[in-house]
């Protein structure tokens, strides 16, 4: 399975927008933004972990678990 490790064109554009926004922030605002992004990434990890665990528990015992794509 090939896992895309690069950004799409749309994501690259969004990164440029975020970069421009961060440049205009104070150091304190940038730190608050970073902490919020990290919190959201941790929540995203928890959701993915939960969905994978749920998917594995729903998989028939005689078949391999279905991989989420």
Foldseek 3Di string as FASTA:
>chain_A
DDDDPDDDPVVVVVVVVVVVVLVPDDPVVNVVVVVVVVVVVVVVVVVVVVVVVVQCVPDDPVDDGDDDD
